[in-house]
Amino acid sequence: MSKLSMGWQHAVLIGSLSLVGISQSFAKDADVQQQDLLNQKIQQINVLTQEYAALKEQLVAAQTTIGEIEKEQAECLKQNRAYRNPLSLSGMRDWRLVQKLQDSAIYGQDPKKTYLGVLDFYGKHRDSIFNPESPYGDVRNPNSVWNLNGYFGNPNSPASIHNPYSKSPPLLKKFGNEYGAITANAAYQDLKPVDPTWLRQVQPIVLEYSK
């Protein structure tokens, strides 16, 4: 065999081996890419699994809350009383007003500036107008704003909280400042008017859901 022929065969053999090496390298790279894609898919599946578990927990919590509300509604119906959403108080449009009014002193606009008690929704203050044991919460007391026969409670009295035309209703005072008036006169302009009917309606709600 000639040297030329042997050289040619040697070159072909080297070339073949190189192609095999390149093919193996490409195959290895392809395997690495496939493994990377597989790992990414596994990570995505793990994330989705965790998110699903979290959503499932939230769903269970929501169902529990709904169940408790429905149970309370059913109990309210049994007791023949109106149902109030316990979450409604914090979302009430006038909740800030309730907080502002709390512990305000009440004074008449008569010449003596008669003290008429404290606006305490919880009825715990000894002078609270919502404390039936307080002289200012007792409807029999002449100076109680709830006494419909008294000067500050009679709808026909110019100083009454129930008079829709009153120009001198009892005033609210807090931290030494007069800032409002308890009156059925929605047009009262000297200070912010606070409707006594609204006070009566909101007081049991504040009391019930503060427990």
Protein backbone atom coordinates (compact mmCIF):
# COMPACT_ATOMS: atom_id res chain seq x y z
CA MET A 1 0.00 0.00 0.00
CA SER A 2 1.42 3.34 -0.95
CA LYS A 3 2.23 6.03 1.59
CA LEU A 4 -0.30 8.30 -0.09
CA SER A 5 -3.06 5.78 0.36
CA MET A 6 -2.15 5.19 4.00
CA GLY A 7 -2.12 8.93 4.65
CA TRP A 8 -5.53 9.34 3.09
CA GLN A 9 -6.97 6.53 5.23
CA HIS A 10 -5.43 8.08 8.34
CA ALA A 11 -7.01 11.43 7.54
CA VAL A 12 -10.39 9.81 6.97
CA LEU A 13 -10.13 8.02 10.31
CA ILE A 14 -9.25 11.23 12.15
CA GLY A 15 -12.11 13.02 10.43
CA SER A 16 -14.55 10.29 11.41
CA LEU A 17 -13.42 10.42 15.01
CA SER A 18 -13.83 14.22 15.02
CA LEU A 19 -17.37 13.93 13.70
CA VAL A 20 -18.18 11.40 16.40
CA GLY A 21 -16.77 13.73 19.03
CA ILE A 22 -18.79 16.66 17.69
CA SER A 23 -21.94 14.56 17.59
CA GLN A 24 -21.39 13.45 21.16
CA SER A 25 -20.80 17.07 22.21
CA PHE A 26 -24.04 18.20 20.55
CA ALA A 27 -25.90 15.34 22.17
CA LYS A 28 -24.46 16.27 25.56
CA ASP A 29 -25.46 19.92 25.10
CA ALA A 30 -28.96 18.84 24.09
CA ASP A 31 -29.24 16.68 27.19
CA VAL A 32 -28.17 19.60 29.39
CA GLN A 33 -30.75 21.89 27.77
CA GLN A 34 -33.46 19.31 28.19
CA GLN A 35 -32.49 18.86 31.86
CA ASP A 36 -32.59 22.63 32.40
CA LEU A 37 -36.05 22.82 30.82
CA LEU A 38 -37.18 19.91 32.97
CA ASN A 39 -35.87 21.63 36.12
CA GLN A 40 -37.69 24.84 35.18
CA LYS A 41 -40.93 22.93 34.69
CA ILE A 42 -40.48 21.25 38.06
CA GLN A 43 -39.92 24.64 39.73
CA GLN A 44 -43.04 26.05 38.06
CA ILE A 45 -45.06 23.07 39.22
CA ASN A 46 -43.77 23.54 42.80
CA VAL A 47 -44.72 27.24 42.76
CA LEU A 48 -48.19 26.47 41.40
CA THR A 49 -48.63 23.75 44.02
CA GLN A 50 -47.76 26.21 46.81
CA GLU A 51 -50.10 28.86 45.39
CA TYR A 52 -52.88 26.30 45.14
CA ALA A 53 -52.36 25.29 48.77
CA ALA A 54 -52.50 28.94 49.88
CA LEU A 55 -55.67 29.59 47.87
CA LYS A 56 -57.23 26.47 49.33
CA GLU A 57 -56.51 27.71 52.86
CA GLN A 58 -58.07 31.10 52.03
CA LEU A 59 -61.13 29.37 50.61
CA VAL A 60 -61.55 27.29 53.75
CA ALA A 61 -61.22 30.43 55.91
CA ALA A 62 -63.77 32.29 53.78
CA GLN A 63 -66.20 29.38 53.94
CA THR A 64 -65.79 29.29 57.72
CA THR A 65 -66.54 33.02 57.98
CA ILE A 66 -69.58 32.68 55.72
CA GLY A 67 -70.78 29.77 57.79
CA GLU A 68 -70.47 31.78 61.01
CA ILE A 69 -72.38 34.71 59.50
CA GLU A 70 -75.13 32.44 58.20
CA LYS A 71 -75.34 30.81 61.61
CA GLU A 72 -75.71 34.19 63.30
CA GLN A 73 -78.34 35.22 60.77
CA ALA A 74 -80.33 32.08 61.52
CA GLU A 75 -80.01 32.72 65.25
CA CYS A 76 -81.19 36.30 64.77
CA LEU A 77 -84.24 35.07 62.89
CA LYS A 78 -85.04 32.65 65.69
CA GLN A 79 -84.89 35.50 68.19
CA ASN A 80 -86.95 37.69 65.86
CA ARG A 81 -84.40 40.47 65.79
CA ALA A 82 -82.67 42.33 63.00
CA TYR A 83 -79.33 40.98 61.83
CA ARG A 84 -76.37 43.34 61.72
CA ASN A 85 -73.18 42.44 59.93
CA PRO A 86 -70.40 42.58 62.57
CA LEU A 87 -68.09 43.94 59.89
CA SER A 88 -70.38 46.84 59.07
CA LEU A 89 -69.41 48.99 62.04
CA SER A 90 -65.80 49.51 60.99
CA GLY A 91 -67.01 50.38 57.50
CA MET A 92 -69.76 52.74 58.58
CA ARG A 93 -69.66 56.11 56.86
CA ASP A 94 -70.26 57.82 60.19
CA TRP A 95 -67.91 55.73 62.34
CA ARG A 96 -65.45 58.61 62.56
CA LEU A 97 -68.25 60.84 63.77
CA VAL A 98 -69.09 58.30 66.46
CA GLN A 99 -65.49 58.41 67.67
CA LYS A 100 -65.50 62.20 67.65
CA LEU A 101 -68.78 62.43 69.57
CA GLN A 102 -67.76 59.93 72.23
CA ASP A 103 -67.27 61.54 75.69
CA SER A 104 -68.51 64.96 74.56
CA ALA A 105 -70.17 67.11 77.21
CA ILE A 106 -73.66 68.47 76.47
CA TYR A 107 -74.79 71.96 77.49
CA GLY A 108 -78.03 73.85 76.98
CA GLN A 109 -78.07 77.25 75.31
CA ASP A 110 -80.21 78.66 78.09
CA PRO A 111 -78.82 81.59 80.13
CA LYS A 112 -77.45 79.17 82.76
CA LYS A 113 -75.70 76.95 80.18
CA THR A 114 -77.28 73.97 81.91
CA TYR A 115 -75.14 70.85 81.98
CA LEU A 116 -77.06 67.99 80.33
CA GLY A 117 -74.68 65.07 80.72
CA VAL A 118 -72.16 63.24 78.53
CA LEU A 119 -72.55 61.64 75.13
CA ASP A 120 -71.14 58.21 75.98
CA PHE A 121 -72.36 55.51 73.59
CA TYR A 122 -71.33 52.72 75.97
CA GLY A 123 -73.46 54.00 78.81
CA LYS A 124 -70.65 53.52 81.34
CA HIS A 125 -70.06 57.15 82.29
CA ARG A 126 -72.03 58.16 85.36
CA ASP A 127 -73.44 61.14 83.42
CA SER A 128 -74.04 59.29 80.15
CA ILE A 129 -77.29 60.09 78.39
CA PHE A 130 -77.37 56.39 77.46
CA ASN A 131 -77.05 55.25 81.06
CA PRO A 132 -80.59 54.69 82.40
CA GLU A 133 -79.24 54.97 85.95
CA SER A 134 -77.75 58.37 85.19
CA PRO A 135 -79.91 61.42 85.93
CA TYR A 136 -79.23 62.49 82.35
CA GLY A 137 -80.25 59.14 80.90
CA ASP A 138 -83.39 58.91 83.04
CA VAL A 139 -86.33 60.06 80.91
CA ARG A 140 -88.07 61.27 84.08
CA ASN A 141 -85.38 63.82 84.85
CA PRO A 142 -86.47 67.37 83.85
CA ASN A 143 -83.00 68.06 82.43
CA SER A 144 -82.75 64.85 80.42
CA VAL A 145 -82.72 65.40 76.66
CA TRP A 146 -84.88 62.27 76.38
CA ASN A 147 -87.64 63.71 78.58
CA LEU A 148 -90.35 64.64 76.08
CA ASN A 149 -91.96 66.83 78.71
CA GLY A 150 -88.75 68.61 79.69
CA TYR A 151 -87.36 71.89 78.43
CA PHE A 152 -84.57 70.20 76.46
CA GLY A 153 -86.62 67.24 75.21
CA ASN A 154 -90.09 68.57 74.47
CA PRO A 155 -90.51 68.83 70.67
CA ASN A 156 -92.29 72.17 71.14
CA SER A 157 -89.50 73.72 73.21
CA PRO A 158 -87.13 76.10 71.37
CA ALA A 159 -84.21 74.45 73.19
CA SER A 160 -85.24 70.83 72.53
CA ILE A 161 -83.14 68.34 70.60
CA HIS A 162 -86.39 67.07 69.04
CA ASN A 163 -87.61 70.42 67.71
CA PRO A 164 -86.98 70.46 63.91
CA TYR A 165 -87.04 74.27 63.97
CA SER A 166 -84.94 74.86 67.07
CA LYS A 167 -82.44 77.70 66.86
CA SER A 168 -80.90 77.08 70.29
CA PRO A 169 -80.49 73.30 70.72
CA PRO A 170 -78.08 71.70 73.23
CA LEU A 171 -74.44 72.03 72.24
CA LEU A 172 -71.64 69.48 72.17
CA LYS A 173 -68.35 70.43 73.77
CA LYS A 174 -65.04 68.59 73.80
CA PHE A 175 -61.57 69.68 74.88
CA GLY A 176 -63.03 73.07 75.70
CA ASN A 177 -64.43 73.64 72.21
CA GLU A 178 -68.04 73.71 71.03
CA TYR A 179 -68.18 71.84 67.73
CA GLY A 180 -71.72 70.55 67.26
CA ALA A 181 -75.33 70.51 68.41
CA ILE A 182 -77.81 67.71 69.05
CA THR A 183 -80.84 68.73 67.05
CA ALA A 184 -83.53 67.48 64.72
CA ASN A 185 -83.09 70.73 62.83
CA ALA A 186 -81.02 69.61 59.83
CA ALA A 187 -80.78 73.23 58.70
CA TYR A 188 -79.04 74.36 61.90
CA GLN A 189 -75.99 76.27 60.67
CA ASP A 190 -74.17 77.62 63.71
CA LEU A 191 -72.46 74.27 64.38
CA LYS A 192 -72.62 70.77 62.92
CA PRO A 193 -76.10 69.31 63.64
CA VAL A 194 -76.23 65.76 65.04
CA ASP A 195 -79.60 64.06 64.63
CA PRO A 196 -80.89 62.61 67.95
CA THR A 197 -82.75 59.86 66.06
CA TRP A 198 -79.47 58.81 64.48
CA LEU A 199 -77.87 58.75 67.94
CA ARG A 200 -80.60 56.40 69.15
CA GLN A 201 -80.10 54.13 66.15
CA VAL A 202 -76.32 53.93 66.21
CA GLN A 203 -75.88 53.56 69.97
CA PRO A 204 -76.97 49.89 70.25
CA ILE A 205 -74.80 49.01 67.23
CA VAL A 206 -71.74 50.59 68.84
CA LEU A 207 -72.54 48.89 72.12
CA GLU A 208 -73.16 45.44 70.63
CA TYR A 209 -70.10 45.20 68.43
CA SER A 210 -67.67 46.67 70.93
CA LYS A 211 -67.98 43.52 73.05
